[in-house]
Amino acid sequence: MMPFINSDVTLEIFKNLIETNELAVPILWSQPFHFLGSESDEESDSVPYDKILGVYLRFLNDHEREDLLAKGIDISLVTTQHQQNLYCVEDDLRRSDLNDDDNSIIHMGEPKFPYITYLRSLSYITLCSAVEIWCQDLADIMSRVNGEELVDNAEEILLRAILKLFYDRGAKLMSLNITINDFLDGRTINLRRLLVDEELKGFFAPIRSLEFNVMYTSINDFLSTLSETCHQLNHISVHTLWTRRCDAPVVKAFERSFNALISAQTSLTSFHLTECKGYTHVFFPALYSCVSTLRHLTFECVDFEHCQPWNMIADCRNIMFFTLAMDFARSLPIGWRASIVKQPTTIDDNNNGDGVVRRLTWSVTDDVFGGGGLRSWIFGGDV
């Protein structure tokens, strides 16, 4: 049994870790793009995007800087003074301020710590957004300093340079999030095509955890490409897939790419599916090849119409945690309903004030999962 550690002792341990740079820096820089904010976001506690990108760009060698310059991106123009002046409300900005390059990226040298090698978890769309905003700053600076315009594909050029930096300098990516929200413009969404760049395939190969949503051709292509190089995924989380027609071409295309990815895996232990309709039937035939390795299954707000997942789920003999957040009374097979103990063993404190408990943990008899080691069975929904 693990010994109990007082919470005050635990807090003191973490304080000491944070105060020790050698230990804290790798932890903090392992997922730098999960907590980004803009320079003008005064109320945010997040790290401004330009600080993160500025640190990474300092790792560029002379040849890589010259290559960017030849493609129309002069990173030496992005100085602290230049960026401060971009957000200055005064109308009489002095040109001398804009020409102050003492704190230019190319004059600062390589950082003390190898931050770029610490990357382990990447929020890809957040990185894309940060690159887009950084390039907008560069475009404004170029317009003020020399009246020139930034090249149209600057975002793609810079993003590719940063991803290659990660790969070439030895960053080992373990977790990838490609969660797309509804407010991204077309330029940011177009940056997803770098996910299938031939020279970057090795960068995405080591990932163990993958989260994505929304179907686009580039996502399907990425899953197919990933199946060629990534064979050690432990966790997959998919959410916000919706269509009226389960036989639509986009669903069939996703089915092919998802099948290719899953069939290449040897140690998938966890699968989460949330907010899904019309795609649900795609997952279970593919996941059947992983019934011996799966330990965690979660389905939340999933429409199971046109599919029969229960045989696959029942064959997961080593399942330990199973979550079904839905109206289970209409969704479970009749044989399973009889196997469930009628009274909940624990009740989560998740009451919305309407007298309805939203999530229950039930005891399940061994015959449901073939006498396996099920530890937690959670049902959600109005019961």
Protein backbone atom coordinates (compact mmCIF):
# COMPACT_ATOMS: atom_id res chain seq x y z
CA MET A 1 0.00 0.00 0.00
CA MET A 2 1.30 3.45 -0.92
CA PRO A 3 2.27 5.48 2.19
CA PHE A 4 0.13 8.55 2.95
CA ILE A 5 1.77 11.93 2.40
CA ASN A 6 0.37 14.97 4.15
CA SER A 7 -0.95 17.64 1.71
CA ASP A 8 1.32 20.29 3.26
CA VAL A 9 4.34 18.11 2.59
CA THR A 10 3.22 17.54 -0.99
CA LEU A 11 2.78 21.29 -1.52
CA GLU A 12 6.25 21.97 -0.14
CA ILE A 13 7.74 19.38 -2.50
CA PHE A 14 6.19 21.05 -5.53
CA LYS A 15 7.31 24.50 -4.36
CA ASN A 16 10.88 23.28 -4.17
CA LEU A 17 10.62 21.70 -7.61
CA ILE A 18 9.40 24.95 -9.15
CA GLU A 19 12.12 26.97 -7.44
CA THR A 20 14.75 24.61 -8.83
CA ASN A 21 15.08 25.64 -12.47
CA GLU A 22 16.84 22.49 -13.56
CA LEU A 23 13.79 20.46 -12.52
CA ALA A 24 11.00 22.94 -13.26
CA VAL A 25 12.06 24.10 -16.72
CA PRO A 26 11.66 20.72 -18.47
CA ILE A 27 8.23 20.29 -16.87
CA LEU A 28 6.98 23.76 -17.77
CA TRP A 29 8.30 23.57 -21.33
CA SER A 30 6.98 20.08 -21.99
CA GLN A 31 3.62 21.55 -23.13
CA PRO A 32 4.21 25.25 -23.83
CA PHE A 33 1.37 25.75 -26.32
CA HIS A 34 -1.41 24.64 -24.01
CA PHE A 35 -1.53 27.93 -22.11
CA LEU A 36 -0.85 30.70 -24.61
CA GLY A 37 -2.20 34.24 -24.56
CA SER A 38 -1.64 37.40 -26.52
CA GLU A 39 0.67 40.22 -25.46
CA SER A 40 -2.29 42.58 -25.13
CA ASP A 41 -4.26 40.22 -22.87
CA GLU A 42 -3.50 42.08 -19.65
CA GLU A 43 -5.81 40.04 -17.43
CA SER A 44 -4.49 36.68 -18.55
CA ASP A 45 -1.98 34.65 -16.54
CA SER A 46 -0.93 32.75 -19.66
CA VAL A 47 2.42 33.18 -21.38
CA PRO A 48 2.32 35.55 -24.40
CA TYR A 49 2.68 33.77 -27.72
CA ASP A 50 5.59 35.95 -28.91
CA LYS A 51 7.72 35.01 -25.91
CA ILE A 52 7.39 31.30 -26.65
CA LEU A 53 8.00 31.61 -30.38
CA GLY A 54 10.83 34.08 -29.79
CA VAL A 55 12.66 31.60 -27.58
CA TYR A 56 12.31 28.81 -30.13
CA LEU A 57 13.46 30.99 -33.04
CA ARG A 58 16.69 31.70 -31.17
CA PHE A 59 17.65 28.07 -31.84
CA LEU A 60 17.78 28.68 -35.59
CA ASN A 61 21.29 28.49 -36.98
CA ASP A 62 22.66 30.92 -39.57
CA HIS A 63 21.70 28.70 -42.50
CA GLU A 64 18.11 28.33 -41.26
CA ARG A 65 17.77 32.10 -40.70
CA GLU A 66 19.10 32.79 -44.17
CA ASP A 67 16.64 30.30 -45.61
CA LEU A 68 13.74 32.12 -43.93
CA LEU A 69 15.09 35.46 -45.11
CA ALA A 70 15.32 34.18 -48.68
CA LYS A 71 11.65 33.20 -48.42
CA GLY A 72 10.67 36.70 -47.26
CA ILE A 73 10.67 36.30 -43.47
CA ASP A 74 13.14 38.53 -41.61
CA ILE A 75 12.88 37.42 -37.99
CA SER A 76 15.42 40.06 -36.92
CA LEU A 77 12.67 42.70 -37.27
CA VAL A 78 10.60 41.20 -34.46
CA THR A 79 12.07 42.89 -31.41
CA THR A 80 10.49 43.69 -28.08
CA GLN A 81 10.48 47.40 -28.93
CA HIS A 82 8.84 46.81 -32.28
CA GLN A 83 6.08 44.72 -30.78
CA GLN A 84 5.45 47.18 -27.97
CA ASN A 85 5.10 49.97 -30.51
CA LEU A 86 2.57 47.96 -32.49
CA TYR A 87 0.17 48.20 -29.55
CA CYS A 88 1.03 51.78 -28.62
CA VAL A 89 -1.92 54.18 -28.75
CA GLU A 90 0.21 57.22 -29.57
CA ASP A 91 -0.02 58.51 -33.13
CA ASP A 92 3.47 60.02 -33.23
CA LEU A 93 5.58 56.84 -33.13
CA ARG A 94 9.21 57.68 -33.77
CA ARG A 95 10.99 55.79 -36.54
CA SER A 96 14.04 55.60 -34.26
CA ASP A 97 12.03 53.39 -31.90
CA LEU A 98 11.21 51.01 -34.74
CA ASN A 99 14.86 50.75 -35.72
CA ASP A 100 16.06 49.67 -32.28
CA ASP A 101 17.33 46.13 -32.88
CA ASP A 102 19.43 45.66 -29.73
CA ASN A 103 17.05 42.95 -28.53
CA SER A 104 16.58 41.28 -31.89
CA ILE A 105 16.28 37.48 -31.88
CA ILE A 106 19.45 37.08 -33.92
CA HIS A 107 21.46 39.15 -31.42
CA MET A 108 20.33 37.29 -28.30
CA GLY A 109 22.07 33.98 -28.98
CA GLU A 110 20.91 30.50 -28.12
CA PRO A 111 19.08 30.18 -24.76
CA LYS A 112 20.71 28.71 -21.66
CA PHE A 113 18.37 25.71 -21.52
CA PRO A 114 17.62 23.41 -24.48
CA TYR A 115 13.93 24.31 -24.27
CA ILE A 116 13.19 22.93 -27.70
CA THR A 117 14.13 19.39 -26.65
CA TYR A 118 11.70 19.42 -23.72
CA LEU A 119 8.55 19.37 -25.87
CA ARG A 120 6.36 16.35 -25.09
CA SER A 121 2.78 17.55 -25.59
CA LEU A 122 1.64 19.77 -28.47
CA SER A 123 -1.64 21.58 -29.04
CA TYR A 124 -1.22 21.85 -32.79
CA ILE A 125 -4.01 24.31 -33.56
CA THR A 126 -2.88 26.62 -30.75
CA LEU A 127 0.60 26.62 -32.25
CA CYS A 128 -0.91 27.42 -35.65
CA SER A 129 -2.84 30.34 -34.17
CA ALA A 130 0.27 31.64 -32.39
CA VAL A 131 2.28 31.51 -35.61
CA GLU A 132 -0.48 33.33 -37.45
CA ILE A 133 -0.56 36.17 -34.90
CA TRP A 134 3.25 36.37 -34.81
CA CYS A 135 3.32 36.70 -38.61
CA GLN A 136 0.69 39.43 -38.44
CA ASP A 137 3.00 41.35 -36.09
CA LEU A 138 5.86 40.87 -38.54
CA ALA A 139 3.67 42.10 -41.41
CA ASP A 140 2.79 45.27 -39.45
CA ILE A 141 6.42 45.86 -38.51
CA MET A 142 7.59 45.44 -42.12
CA SER A 143 4.95 47.89 -43.27
CA ARG A 144 6.10 50.51 -40.76
CA VAL A 145 9.85 50.00 -41.11
CA ASN A 146 10.35 49.67 -44.83
CA GLY A 147 6.91 49.73 -46.43
CA GLU A 148 7.16 46.11 -47.60
CA GLU A 149 4.53 43.38 -47.48
CA LEU A 150 4.91 39.95 -45.92
CA VAL A 151 4.71 36.98 -48.29
CA ASP A 152 1.29 35.32 -48.50
CA ASN A 153 2.41 31.90 -47.23
CA ALA A 154 4.50 33.24 -44.33
CA GLU A 155 2.51 31.28 -41.71
CA GLU A 156 3.15 27.98 -43.43
CA ILE A 157 6.85 28.75 -43.93
CA LEU A 158 7.37 29.72 -40.28
CA LEU A 159 5.31 26.85 -38.87
CA ARG A 160 7.26 24.36 -40.92
CA ALA A 161 10.55 25.88 -39.69
CA ILE A 162 9.42 25.53 -36.05
CA LEU A 163 8.22 21.94 -36.48
CA LYS A 164 11.50 21.03 -38.17
CA LEU A 165 13.35 22.66 -35.27
CA PHE A 166 11.52 20.38 -32.86
CA TYR A 167 12.28 17.32 -34.96
CA ASP A 168 15.89 18.15 -35.85
CA ARG A 169 16.84 19.16 -32.29
CA GLY A 170 15.53 15.97 -30.72
CA ALA A 171 12.11 16.80 -29.23
CA LYS A 172 10.19 13.58 -28.54
CA LEU A 173 6.50 14.25 -29.04
CA MET A 174 4.34 12.02 -26.82
CA SER A 175 0.93 13.73 -26.97
CA LEU A 176 -0.79 15.51 -29.85
CA ASN A 177 -4.01 17.51 -29.72
CA ILE A 178 -5.70 18.59 -32.96
CA THR A 179 -8.86 20.11 -31.55
CA ILE A 180 -10.41 22.59 -33.96
CA ASN A 181 -12.94 25.12 -32.70
CA ASP A 182 -15.59 26.93 -34.71
CA PHE A 183 -13.83 30.28 -34.74
CA LEU A 184 -10.66 29.53 -36.70
CA ASP A 185 -10.23 31.33 -39.98
CA GLY A 186 -9.30 29.62 -43.22
CA ARG A 187 -5.61 30.54 -43.00
CA THR A 188 -5.19 28.71 -39.69
CA ILE A 189 -7.13 25.68 -40.86
CA ASN A 190 -4.99 25.45 -43.99
CA LEU A 191 -1.89 24.99 -41.83
CA ARG A 192 -3.10 21.48 -41.04
CA ARG A 193 -1.62 20.23 -44.30
CA LEU A 194 1.81 20.24 -42.63
CA LEU A 195 0.59 17.26 -40.61
CA VAL A 196 1.23 15.14 -43.70
CA ASP A 197 4.49 16.79 -44.75
CA GLU A 198 6.87 14.02 -45.80
CA GLU A 199 9.84 15.50 -43.91
CA LEU A 200 7.85 15.79 -40.67
CA LYS A 201 6.48 12.23 -40.50
CA GLY A 202 9.19 11.23 -38.05
CA PHE A 203 8.28 14.06 -35.67
CA PHE A 204 4.76 12.67 -35.13
CA ALA A 205 5.80 9.00 -35.06
CA PRO A 206 6.54 8.67 -31.28
CA ILE A 207 3.17 9.94 -30.02
CA ARG A 208 1.37 7.83 -27.41
CA SER A 209 -1.74 9.98 -26.98
CA LEU A 210 -3.86 11.45 -29.79
CA GLU A 211 -6.89 13.74 -29.49
CA PHE A 212 -8.79 15.15 -32.45
CA ASN A 213 -12.21 16.33 -33.59
CA VAL A 214 -14.05 17.48 -36.72
CA MET A 215 -13.50 15.69 -39.99
CA TYR A 216 -11.52 17.34 -42.75
CA THR A 217 -9.62 15.70 -45.58
CA SER A 218 -6.31 16.68 -43.98
CA ILE A 219 -7.25 14.87 -40.73
CA ASN A 220 -8.09 11.70 -42.66
CA ASP A 221 -4.82 11.96 -44.54
CA PHE A 222 -2.96 12.49 -41.27
CA LEU A 223 -4.47 9.38 -39.67
CA SER A 224 -3.49 7.32 -42.70
CA THR A 225 0.03 8.76 -42.67
CA LEU A 226 0.31 8.19 -38.93
CA SER A 227 -0.54 4.52 -39.39
CA GLU A 228 2.70 4.11 -41.35
CA THR A 229 5.01 5.35 -38.60
CA CYS A 230 3.13 5.39 -35.27
CA HIS A 231 2.48 1.95 -33.78
CA GLN A 232 2.56 2.58 -30.02
CA LEU A 233 -0.53 4.68 -29.32
CA ASN A 234 -1.86 4.14 -25.79
CA HIS A 235 -4.76 6.60 -25.80
CA ILE A 236 -7.12 7.99 -28.45
CA SER A 237 -9.77 10.62 -27.76
CA VAL A 238 -12.26 11.58 -30.48
CA HIS A 239 -15.03 14.11 -30.10
CA THR A 240 -17.52 16.33 -31.91
CA LEU A 241 -18.19 14.16 -34.94
CA TRP A 242 -21.66 14.68 -36.34
CA THR A 243 -23.49 13.93 -39.57
CA ARG A 244 -27.06 13.23 -40.58
CA ARG A 245 -26.07 10.39 -42.91
CA CYS A 246 -23.98 7.54 -41.56
CA ASP A 247 -23.28 6.40 -45.14
CA ALA A 248 -22.00 9.78 -46.33
CA PRO A 249 -18.72 9.78 -48.32
CA VAL A 250 -16.94 11.73 -45.56
CA VAL A 251 -17.86 8.99 -43.06
CA LYS A 252 -16.59 6.24 -45.33
CA ALA A 253 -13.33 8.13 -45.89
CA PHE A 254 -12.87 8.51 -42.13
CA GLU A 255 -13.63 4.82 -41.62
CA ARG A 256 -10.79 3.84 -43.96
CA SER A 257 -8.25 6.12 -42.30
CA PHE A 258 -9.30 5.19 -38.75
CA ASN A 259 -9.15 1.47 -39.56
CA ALA A 260 -5.65 1.93 -40.96
CA LEU A 261 -4.52 3.70 -37.78
CA ILE A 262 -6.03 1.21 -35.33
CA SER A 263 -4.84 -1.86 -37.22
CA ALA A 264 -1.28 -0.56 -36.86
CA GLN A 265 -1.45 -0.33 -33.06
CA THR A 266 -0.15 -2.95 -30.65
CA SER A 267 -0.80 -1.41 -27.22
CA LEU A 268 -3.95 0.73 -27.28
CA THR A 269 -5.26 0.80 -23.71
CA SER A 270 -7.68 3.73 -23.66
CA PHE A 271 -10.37 5.02 -26.03
CA HIS A 272 -12.70 7.98 -25.40
CA LEU A 273 -15.55 8.98 -27.71
CA THR A 274 -17.70 12.03 -26.96
CA GLU A 275 -20.40 13.97 -28.82
CA CYS A 276 -20.73 11.62 -31.77
CA LYS A 277 -23.60 10.94 -34.17
CA GLY A 278 -23.48 9.23 -37.55
CA TYR A 279 -19.85 8.12 -37.12
CA THR A 280 -20.30 5.77 -34.16
CA HIS A 281 -20.55 2.57 -36.20
CA VAL A 282 -17.07 3.23 -37.64
CA PHE A 283 -15.18 2.69 -34.40
CA PHE A 284 -16.21 -0.74 -33.13
CA PRO A 285 -15.05 -3.01 -35.96
CA ALA A 286 -11.65 -1.32 -35.82
CA LEU A 287 -11.43 -1.47 -32.01
CA TYR A 288 -12.20 -5.18 -32.04
CA SER A 289 -8.54 -5.79 -32.88
CA CYS A 290 -7.60 -4.17 -29.55
CA VAL A 291 -9.95 -6.02 -27.17
CA SER A 292 -7.01 -7.73 -25.45
CA THR A 293 -5.20 -4.46 -24.65
CA LEU A 294 -8.05 -2.03 -23.91
CA ARG A 295 -8.38 -1.08 -20.22
CA HIS A 296 -10.39 2.17 -20.34
CA LEU A 297 -13.51 2.90 -22.43
CA THR A 298 -15.54 6.10 -22.29
CA PHE A 299 -18.64 7.04 -24.30
CA GLU A 300 -20.29 10.38 -23.59
CA CYS A 301 -23.17 11.87 -25.56
CA VAL A 302 -22.83 9.16 -28.21
CA ASP A 303 -25.68 8.08 -30.49
CA PHE A 304 -25.43 4.30 -30.99
CA GLU A 305 -28.00 4.16 -33.77
CA HIS A 306 -27.08 1.82 -36.65
CA CYS A 307 -24.39 0.03 -34.65
CA GLN A 308 -24.10 -2.78 -32.10
CA PRO A 309 -21.10 -2.02 -29.86
CA TRP A 310 -21.96 -4.33 -27.00
CA ASN A 311 -20.32 -7.53 -28.27
CA MET A 312 -17.03 -5.72 -28.81
CA ILE A 313 -17.25 -4.08 -25.38
CA ALA A 314 -18.12 -7.39 -23.68
CA ASP A 315 -15.10 -9.05 -25.31
CA CYS A 316 -12.73 -6.55 -23.65
CA ARG A 317 -11.75 -9.09 -20.98
CA ASN A 318 -9.14 -6.84 -19.37
CA ILE A 319 -11.34 -3.76 -19.07
CA MET A 320 -10.90 -1.87 -15.79
CA PHE A 321 -12.83 1.39 -16.27
CA PHE A 322 -15.96 1.76 -18.39
CA THR A 323 -17.94 5.00 -18.64
CA LEU A 324 -21.23 5.35 -20.47
CA ALA A 325 -22.72 8.84 -20.15
CA MET A 326 -26.15 8.50 -21.75
CA ASP A 327 -29.67 7.22 -21.10
CA PHE A 328 -28.53 3.66 -20.44
CA ALA A 329 -32.02 2.32 -19.79
CA ARG A 330 -32.78 2.49 -23.52
CA SER A 331 -29.28 1.63 -24.72
CA LEU A 332 -28.08 -1.42 -22.84
CA PRO A 333 -28.85 -4.94 -24.05
CA ILE A 334 -31.58 -6.67 -22.06
CA GLY A 335 -29.15 -9.30 -20.76
CA TRP A 336 -26.88 -6.62 -19.35
CA ARG A 337 -29.67 -4.84 -17.50
CA ALA A 338 -30.29 -7.95 -15.46
CA SER A 339 -26.62 -8.14 -14.51
CA ILE A 340 -26.51 -4.67 -12.98
CA VAL A 341 -27.08 -4.31 -9.28
CA LYS A 342 -30.13 -2.10 -8.77
CA GLN A 343 -28.60 0.23 -6.18
CA PRO A 344 -25.59 2.46 -6.88
CA THR A 345 -22.46 1.81 -4.85
CA THR A 346 -21.35 5.45 -5.02
CA ILE A 347 -22.96 8.67 -6.15
CA ASP A 348 -20.90 11.56 -7.54
CA ASP A 349 -21.84 14.96 -6.15
CA ASN A 350 -22.98 16.32 -9.51
CA ASN A 351 -26.50 17.49 -8.82
CA ASN A 352 -27.76 20.40 -10.89
CA GLY A 353 -30.31 21.43 -8.28
CA ASP A 354 -33.19 19.71 -10.07
CA GLY A 355 -33.11 16.58 -7.96
CA VAL A 356 -31.61 14.48 -10.75
CA VAL A 357 -28.30 12.72 -10.15
CA ARG A 358 -26.31 12.86 -13.38
CA ARG A 359 -23.65 10.23 -12.82
CA LEU A 360 -23.74 6.97 -10.91
CA THR A 361 -21.16 4.26 -10.27
CA TRP A 362 -22.75 0.83 -10.29
CA SER A 363 -21.64 -2.61 -9.22
CA VAL A 364 -21.63 -5.11 -12.08
CA THR A 365 -21.65 -8.87 -11.83
CA ASP A 366 -18.63 -10.69 -13.26
CA ASP A 367 -20.49 -12.23 -16.20
CA VAL A 368 -20.72 -8.88 -18.00
CA PHE A 369 -16.99 -8.73 -18.70
CA GLY A 370 -16.24 -12.41 -18.49
CA GLY A 371 -14.99 -12.31 -14.91
CA GLY A 372 -12.40 -9.66 -15.69
CA GLY A 373 -10.96 -7.05 -13.35
CA LEU A 374 -13.56 -4.33 -13.83
CA ARG A 375 -13.01 -1.69 -11.14
CA SER A 376 -15.35 1.11 -12.20
CA TRP A 377 -18.58 1.15 -14.19
CA ILE A 378 -20.06 4.64 -14.61
CA PHE A 379 -23.38 5.55 -16.13
CA GLY A 380 -24.43 9.11 -16.75
CA GLY A 381 -27.64 10.75 -17.85
CA ASP A 382 -31.03 11.30 -16.33
CA VAL A 383 -31.90 8.20 -14.31
